Amino acid sequence: MKIGVIGSGNIGGNLGKHWSKVGHQVLFSSRHPKNLKSLVNESGKNAKAVSVADAFIANADVYLLAVPFNAIGEIAELYAGEYRDKVIIDATNPYPQRDGALAQKVIEANYNASEYTAMKFGTAKTVKAFNTIQAEHLKNDAFKTYNKLTIPFAAQDEEGRSVGKQLIEDIGFDTLYIGNLSDTNIMDPHKAIYGKALQKDELKALVDATKLS
């Protein structure tokens, strides 16, 4: 797959390196793509650095959204013509201390953070994944053959569910499907499974217990 990484920090950078390693074509993007030279070199022949605009123009199969939460609206508005019918993997989180009033508004709203992203990227197919894992675990615990950590994810539709599952499993993590986007409150900051590094049975038990409480 061709994957556009929108936001090439700790989460986007590590994911892009992992996906490149297993043969996906990765487009790391930044406002200053020249600053991504070392990241591209670490990622190998399947990766290159481009501007955010060029990442969307490149007609990728999937876009990973790993930017500050308060940037979602601007990105969605600027590139609406390019992400139509694409899978968007939303790895963002609303942090009021960083993202300001918008994040606080979403936290207090009758919809959750992934639904906000889906509303903004209304013509895309949104998947929520990689927002609960700590960057150090994403970096160091990929490609395990035993005692795998599990990435929870949710999706709007079956295509997104299939793509999300594949891209998680491709880099050596187990998956746990949470449900549709309305079920993702449990994944948000300071909620039950946020920041947890667990194997599948443990994570499923925690999810089930939370839903029953």
C-alpha atoms as a PDB file:
ATOM      1  CA  MET A   1       0.000   0.000   0.000  1.00  0.00           C
ATOM      2  CA  LYS A   2       0.975   3.605  -0.432  1.00  0.00           C
ATOM      3  CA  ILE A   3       0.668   5.338   2.946  1.00  0.00           C
ATOM      4  CA  GLY A   4       0.768   9.084   3.485  1.00  0.00           C
ATOM      5  CA  VAL A   5       1.999   9.923   6.985  1.00  0.00           C
ATOM      6  CA  ILE A   6       0.582  13.298   7.998  1.00  0.00           C
ATOM      7  CA  GLY A   7       2.688  14.263  10.987  1.00  0.00           C
ATOM      8  CA  SER A   8       6.055  12.543  11.228  1.00  0.00           C
ATOM      9  CA  GLY A   9       6.787  12.770  14.952  1.00  0.00           C
ATOM     10  CA  ASN A  10       7.151   9.912  17.435  1.00  0.00           C
ATOM     11  CA  ILE A  11       3.987   8.062  16.417  1.00  0.00           C
ATOM     12  CA  GLY A  12       3.966   8.841  12.706  1.00  0.00           C
ATOM     13  CA  GLY A  13       7.724   8.438  12.376  1.00  0.00           C
ATOM     14  CA  ASN A  14       7.854   5.038  14.056  1.00  0.00           C
ATOM     15  CA  LEU A  15       4.818   3.728  12.208  1.00  0.00           C
ATOM     16  CA  GLY A  16       6.211   4.890   8.891  1.00  0.00           C
ATOM     17  CA  LYS A  17       9.540   3.165   9.551  1.00  0.00           C
ATOM     18  CA  HIS A  18       7.778  -0.073  10.474  1.00  0.00           C
ATOM     19  CA  TRP A  19       5.502  -0.016   7.439  1.00  0.00           C
ATOM     20  CA  SER A  20       8.394   0.756   5.124  1.00  0.00           C
ATOM     21  CA  LYS A  21      10.292  -2.198   6.574  1.00  0.00           C
ATOM     22  CA  VAL A  22       7.535  -4.607   5.512  1.00  0.00           C
ATOM     23  CA  GLY A  23       7.285  -3.217   1.993  1.00  0.00           C
ATOM     24  CA  HIS A  24       4.661  -0.475   2.091  1.00  0.00           C
ATOM     25  CA  GLN A  25       5.445   2.725   0.220  1.00  0.00           C
ATOM     26  CA  VAL A  26       5.616   5.474   2.843  1.00  0.00           C
ATOM     27  CA  LEU A  27       5.362   9.209   2.244  1.00  0.00           C
ATOM     28  CA  PHE A  28       6.519  11.080   5.335  1.00  0.00           C
ATOM     29  CA  SER A  29       5.174  14.606   5.274  1.00  0.00           C
ATOM     30  CA  SER A  30       6.021  17.860   6.969  1.00  0.00           C
ATOM     31  CA  ARG A  31       5.844  21.575   6.353  1.00  0.00           C
ATOM     32  CA  HIS A  32       9.626  21.242   6.096  1.00  0.00           C
ATOM     33  CA  PRO A  33      10.286  17.874   4.400  1.00  0.00           C
ATOM     34  CA  LYS A  34      14.045  18.525   4.222  1.00  0.00           C
ATOM     35  CA  ASN A  35      14.083  18.104   8.009  1.00  0.00           C
ATOM     36  CA  LEU A  36      12.948  14.477   7.580  1.00  0.00           C
ATOM     37  CA  LYS A  37      16.115  13.328   5.803  1.00  0.00           C
ATOM     38  CA  SER A  38      17.407  11.214   8.702  1.00  0.00           C
ATOM     39  CA  LEU A  39      13.985   9.612   9.196  1.00  0.00           C
ATOM     40  CA  VAL A  40      13.842   8.652   5.526  1.00  0.00           C
ATOM     41  CA  ASN A  41      17.378   7.253   5.666  1.00  0.00           C
ATOM     42  CA  GLU A  42      16.444   5.099   8.674  1.00  0.00           C
ATOM     43  CA  SER A  43      13.333   3.873   6.871  1.00  0.00           C
ATOM     44  CA  GLY A  44      15.030   2.614   3.732  1.00  0.00           C
ATOM     45  CA  LYS A  45      14.201   2.492   0.063  1.00  0.00           C
ATOM     46  CA  ASN A  46      10.408   2.433   0.446  1.00  0.00           C
ATOM     47  CA  ALA A  47      10.211   5.856   2.093  1.00  0.00           C
ATOM     48  CA  LYS A  48      10.548   9.458   1.012  1.00  0.00           C
ATOM     49  CA  ALA A  49       9.804  12.890   2.444  1.00  0.00           C
ATOM     50  CA  VAL A  50       7.279  15.236   0.869  1.00  0.00           C
ATOM     51  CA  SER A  51       5.235  18.271   1.794  1.00  0.00           C
ATOM     52  CA  VAL A  52       1.787  17.738   3.294  1.00  0.00           C
ATOM     53  CA  ALA A  53       0.233  18.992   0.061  1.00  0.00           C
ATOM     54  CA  ASP A  54       2.266  16.561  -2.019  1.00  0.00           C
ATOM     55  CA  ALA A  55       1.337  13.672   0.289  1.00  0.00           C
ATOM     56  CA  PHE A  56      -2.322  14.248  -0.497  1.00  0.00           C
ATOM     57  CA  ILE A  57      -1.714  14.912  -4.187  1.00  0.00           C
ATOM     58  CA  ALA A  58       0.154  11.579  -4.361  1.00  0.00           C
ATOM     59  CA  ASN A  59      -3.152   9.710  -4.129  1.00  0.00           C
ATOM     60  CA  ALA A  60      -2.119   7.351  -1.345  1.00  0.00           C
ATOM     61  CA  ASP A  61      -4.276   4.375  -0.425  1.00  0.00           C
ATOM     62  CA  VAL A  62      -4.250   5.285   3.271  1.00  0.00           C
ATOM     63  CA  TYR A  63      -3.462   8.398   5.280  1.00  0.00           C
ATOM     64  CA  LEU A  64      -2.223   8.286   8.865  1.00  0.00           C
ATOM     65  CA  LEU A  65      -3.246  11.377  10.797  1.00  0.00           C
ATOM     66  CA  ALA A  66      -0.685  11.907  13.563  1.00  0.00           C
ATOM     67  CA  VAL A  67      -0.817  15.659  14.085  1.00  0.00           C
ATOM     68  CA  PRO A  68      -1.887  17.840  17.020  1.00  0.00           C
ATOM     69  CA  PHE A  69      -5.648  17.628  17.455  1.00  0.00           C
ATOM     70  CA  ASN A  70      -6.131  21.331  16.782  1.00  0.00           C
ATOM     71  CA  ALA A  71      -4.708  20.899  13.254  1.00  0.00           C
ATOM     72  CA  ILE A  72      -7.394  18.450  12.102  1.00  0.00           C
ATOM     73  CA  GLY A  73      -9.876  21.034  10.876  1.00  0.00           C
ATOM     74  CA  GLU A  74      -7.376  22.975   8.776  1.00  0.00           C
ATOM     75  CA  ILE A  75      -5.945  19.834   7.152  1.00  0.00           C
ATOM     76  CA  ALA A  76      -9.404  18.490   6.392  1.00  0.00           C
ATOM     77  CA  GLU A  77     -10.471  21.765   4.794  1.00  0.00           C
ATOM     78  CA  LEU A  78      -7.314  22.266   2.741  1.00  0.00           C
ATOM     79  CA  TYR A  79      -7.184  18.786   1.220  1.00  0.00           C
ATOM     80  CA  ALA A  80     -10.851  17.833   0.965  1.00  0.00           C
ATOM     81  CA  GLY A  81     -10.542  17.057  -2.730  1.00  0.00           C
ATOM     82  CA  GLU A  82      -7.701  14.585  -2.260  1.00  0.00           C
ATOM     83  CA  TYR A  83      -8.823  12.274   0.555  1.00  0.00           C
ATOM     84  CA  ARG A  84     -12.280  11.428  -0.773  1.00  0.00           C
ATOM     85  CA  ASP A  85     -13.025   7.690  -0.338  1.00  0.00           C
ATOM     86  CA  LYS A  86      -9.585   7.106   1.211  1.00  0.00           C
ATOM     87  CA  VAL A  87      -8.995   5.409   4.549  1.00  0.00           C
ATOM     88  CA  ILE A  88      -7.893   7.877   7.217  1.00  0.00           C
ATOM     89  CA  ILE A  89      -6.258   6.331  10.286  1.00  0.00           C
ATOM     90  CA  ASP A  90      -6.784   8.764  13.134  1.00  0.00           C
ATOM     91  CA  ALA A  91      -4.017   8.532  15.737  1.00  0.00           C
ATOM     92  CA  THR A  92      -4.759  11.918  17.283  1.00  0.00           C
ATOM     93  CA  ASN A  93      -5.775  12.813  20.829  1.00  0.00           C
ATOM     94  CA  PRO A  94      -7.345  15.965  22.272  1.00  0.00           C
ATOM     95  CA  TYR A  95      -5.134  17.465  24.977  1.00  0.00           C
ATOM     96  CA  PRO A  96      -6.509  20.775  26.308  1.00  0.00           C
ATOM     97  CA  GLN A  97      -3.112  21.832  27.634  1.00  0.00           C
ATOM     98  CA  ARG A  98      -1.729  21.622  24.080  1.00  0.00           C
ATOM     99  CA  ASP A  99      -4.751  21.987  21.813  1.00  0.00           C
ATOM    100  CA  GLY A 100      -6.677  24.600  23.780  1.00  0.00           C
ATOM    101  CA  ALA A 101     -10.392  25.279  23.766  1.00  0.00           C
ATOM    102  CA  LEU A 102     -11.157  22.967  20.834  1.00  0.00           C
ATOM    103  CA  ALA A 103      -9.914  19.929  22.719  1.00  0.00           C
ATOM    104  CA  GLN A 104     -11.888  20.865  25.818  1.00  0.00           C
ATOM    105  CA  LYS A 105     -15.005  21.393  23.703  1.00  0.00           C
ATOM    106  CA  VAL A 106     -14.711  17.944  22.138  1.00  0.00           C
ATOM    107  CA  ILE A 107     -14.077  16.297  25.500  1.00  0.00           C
ATOM    108  CA  GLU A 108     -17.282  17.850  26.849  1.00  0.00           C
ATOM    109  CA  ALA A 109     -19.363  17.233  23.698  1.00  0.00           C
ATOM    110  CA  ASN A 110     -21.950  14.517  23.078  1.00  0.00           C
ATOM    111  CA  TYR A 111     -19.607  13.014  20.457  1.00  0.00           C
ATOM    112  CA  ASN A 112     -16.086  11.693  20.938  1.00  0.00           C
ATOM    113  CA  ALA A 113     -12.721  12.598  19.422  1.00  0.00           C
ATOM    114  CA  SER A 114     -12.806  10.038  16.611  1.00  0.00           C
ATOM    115  CA  GLU A 115     -16.305  11.160  15.623  1.00  0.00           C
ATOM    116  CA  TYR A 116     -15.022  14.732  15.447  1.00  0.00           C
ATOM    117  CA  THR A 117     -12.313  13.608  13.016  1.00  0.00           C
ATOM    118  CA  ALA A 118     -14.845  11.655  10.971  1.00  0.00           C
ATOM    119  CA  MET A 119     -17.088  14.723  10.761  1.00  0.00           C
ATOM    120  CA  LYS A 120     -14.198  16.853   9.521  1.00  0.00           C
ATOM    121  CA  PHE A 121     -12.988  14.225   7.022  1.00  0.00           C
ATOM    122  CA  GLY A 122     -16.550  13.528   5.976  1.00  0.00           C
ATOM    123  CA  THR A 123     -15.798  11.989   2.573  1.00  0.00           C
ATOM    124  CA  ALA A 124     -13.122   9.617   3.910  1.00  0.00           C
ATOM    125  CA  LYS A 125     -13.397   6.324   5.804  1.00  0.00           C
ATOM    126  CA  THR A 126     -12.118   6.922   9.318  1.00  0.00           C
ATOM    127  CA  VAL A 127     -10.331   4.343  11.461  1.00  0.00           C
ATOM    128  CA  LYS A 128      -9.250   5.068  15.029  1.00  0.00           C
ATOM    129  CA  ALA A 129      -5.955   3.387  15.957  1.00  0.00           C
ATOM    130  CA  PHE A 130      -2.514   3.986  17.457  1.00  0.00           C
ATOM    131  CA  ASN A 131      -3.723   6.771  19.757  1.00  0.00           C
ATOM    132  CA  THR A 132      -3.570   4.632  22.905  1.00  0.00           C
ATOM    133  CA  ILE A 133      -0.063   3.216  22.564  1.00  0.00           C
ATOM    134  CA  GLN A 134       2.947   4.976  24.040  1.00  0.00           C
ATOM    135  CA  ALA A 135       5.623   5.906  21.521  1.00  0.00           C
ATOM    136  CA  GLU A 136       8.292   3.823  23.262  1.00  0.00           C
ATOM    137  CA  HIS A 137       6.155   0.678  22.993  1.00  0.00           C
ATOM    138  CA  LEU A 138       5.372   1.415  19.358  1.00  0.00           C
ATOM    139  CA  LYS A 139       9.091   1.755  18.685  1.00  0.00           C
ATOM    140  CA  ASN A 140      10.405  -1.153  20.743  1.00  0.00           C
ATOM    141  CA  ASP A 141       7.647  -3.780  20.756  1.00  0.00           C
ATOM    142  CA  ALA A 142       6.874  -4.117  17.055  1.00  0.00           C
ATOM    143  CA  PHE A 143       7.557  -7.361  15.199  1.00  0.00           C
ATOM    144  CA  LYS A 144       7.389  -9.601  18.239  1.00  0.00           C
ATOM    145  CA  THR A 145       6.670 -13.272  17.555  1.00  0.00           C
ATOM    146  CA  TYR A 146       5.361 -13.976  21.070  1.00  0.00           C
ATOM    147  CA  ASN A 147       3.850 -11.967  23.941  1.00  0.00           C
ATOM    148  CA  LYS A 148       2.637  -9.459  21.386  1.00  0.00           C
ATOM    149  CA  LEU A 149       1.106  -6.211  22.546  1.00  0.00           C
ATOM    150  CA  THR A 150      -2.380  -5.458  21.267  1.00  0.00           C
ATOM    151  CA  ILE A 151      -3.533  -2.341  19.445  1.00  0.00           C
ATOM    152  CA  PRO A 152      -7.227  -1.508  19.903  1.00  0.00           C
ATOM    153  CA  PHE A 153      -8.959  -0.009  16.882  1.00  0.00           C
ATOM    154  CA  ALA A 154     -12.367   1.023  15.602  1.00  0.00           C
ATOM    155  CA  ALA A 155     -13.731   1.739  12.137  1.00  0.00           C
ATOM    156  CA  GLN A 156     -16.574   3.383  10.257  1.00  0.00           C
ATOM    157  CA  ASP A 157     -16.959   0.627   7.683  1.00  0.00           C
ATOM    158  CA  GLU A 158     -15.714  -2.815   6.650  1.00  0.00           C
ATOM    159  CA  GLU A 159     -13.015  -1.516   4.307  1.00  0.00           C
ATOM    160  CA  GLY A 160     -11.533   0.607   7.061  1.00  0.00           C
ATOM    161  CA  ARG A 161     -11.749  -2.293   9.485  1.00  0.00           C
ATOM    162  CA  SER A 162      -9.891  -4.582   7.084  1.00  0.00           C
ATOM    163  CA  VAL A 163      -7.183  -2.035   6.274  1.00  0.00           C
ATOM    164  CA  GLY A 164      -6.693  -1.061   9.903  1.00  0.00           C
ATOM    165  CA  LYS A 165      -6.353  -4.672  10.999  1.00  0.00           C
ATOM    166  CA  GLN A 166      -3.838  -5.431   8.263  1.00  0.00           C
ATOM    167  CA  LEU A 167      -1.631  -2.432   8.959  1.00  0.00           C
ATOM    168  CA  ILE A 168      -1.517  -3.231  12.676  1.00  0.00           C
ATOM    169  CA  GLU A 169      -0.753  -6.906  12.154  1.00  0.00           C
ATOM    170  CA  ASP A 170       1.809  -6.176   9.425  1.00  0.00           C
ATOM    171  CA  ILE A 171       4.115  -4.662  12.056  1.00  0.00           C
ATOM    172  CA  GLY A 172       3.794  -7.430  14.615  1.00  0.00           C
ATOM    173  CA  PHE A 173       1.026  -6.314  16.951  1.00  0.00           C
ATOM    174  CA  ASP A 174      -2.193  -8.111  17.779  1.00  0.00           C
ATOM    175  CA  THR A 175      -5.498  -6.337  17.159  1.00  0.00           C
ATOM    176  CA  LEU A 176      -8.644  -5.878  19.195  1.00  0.00           C
ATOM    177  CA  TYR A 177     -11.641  -4.467  17.358  1.00  0.00           C
ATOM    178  CA  ILE A 178     -13.512  -2.114  19.671  1.00  0.00           C
ATOM    179  CA  GLY A 179     -16.460  -1.426  17.347  1.00  0.00           C
ATOM    180  CA  ASN A 180     -17.563   1.624  15.436  1.00  0.00           C
ATOM    181  CA  LEU A 181     -16.405   5.159  16.144  1.00  0.00           C
ATOM    182  CA  SER A 182     -19.129   5.774  18.702  1.00  0.00           C
ATOM    183  CA  ASP A 183     -17.477   3.116  20.879  1.00  0.00           C
ATOM    184  CA  THR A 184     -14.085   4.841  21.094  1.00  0.00           C
ATOM    185  CA  ASN A 185     -14.552   6.895  24.272  1.00  0.00           C
ATOM    186  CA  ILE A 186     -12.761   4.058  26.019  1.00  0.00           C
ATOM    187  CA  MET A 187      -9.669   4.858  23.913  1.00  0.00           C
ATOM    188  CA  ASP A 188      -9.514   8.583  24.682  1.00  0.00           C
ATOM    189  CA  PRO A 189      -6.953  10.168  27.040  1.00  0.00           C
ATOM    190  CA  HIS A 190      -7.397   9.233  30.701  1.00  0.00           C
ATOM    191  CA  LYS A 191     -10.002   6.586  29.825  1.00  0.00           C
ATOM    192  CA  ALA A 192      -9.866   2.850  30.527  1.00  0.00           C
ATOM    193  CA  ILE A 193      -7.480   1.569  27.855  1.00  0.00           C
ATOM    194  CA  TYR A 194      -5.519   4.703  27.028  1.00  0.00           C
ATOM    195  CA  GLY A 195      -1.790   4.158  27.472  1.00  0.00           C
ATOM    196  CA  LYS A 196      -2.171   0.483  28.349  1.00  0.00           C
ATOM    197  CA  ALA A 197       0.441  -1.989  27.051  1.00  0.00           C
ATOM    198  CA  LEU A 198      -1.378  -5.314  27.254  1.00  0.00           C
ATOM    199  CA  GLN A 199      -1.663  -8.636  25.511  1.00  0.00           C
ATOM    200  CA  LYS A 200      -4.932  -9.478  23.798  1.00  0.00           C
ATOM    201  CA  ASP A 201      -6.681 -11.464  26.550  1.00  0.00           C
ATOM    202  CA  GLU A 202      -5.852  -8.839  29.165  1.00  0.00           C
ATOM    203  CA  LEU A 203      -6.985  -5.969  26.965  1.00  0.00           C
ATOM    204  CA  LYS A 204     -10.224  -7.699  26.004  1.00  0.00           C
ATOM    205  CA  ALA A 205     -10.988  -8.426  29.658  1.00  0.00           C
ATOM    206  CA  LEU A 206     -10.468  -4.753  30.518  1.00  0.00           C
ATOM    207  CA  VAL A 207     -12.668  -3.612  27.630  1.00  0.00           C
ATOM    208  CA  ASP A 208     -15.435  -6.045  28.544  1.00  0.00           C
ATOM    209  CA  ALA A 209     -15.320  -5.056  32.217  1.00  0.00           C
ATOM    210  CA  THR A 210     -15.483  -1.390  31.308  1.00  0.00           C
ATOM    211  CA  LYS A 211     -18.488  -1.882  29.052  1.00  0.00           C
ATOM    212  CA  LEU A 212     -20.312  -3.729  31.828  1.00  0.00           C
ATOM    213  CA  SER A 213     -19.606  -1.090  34.483  1.00  0.00           C
END
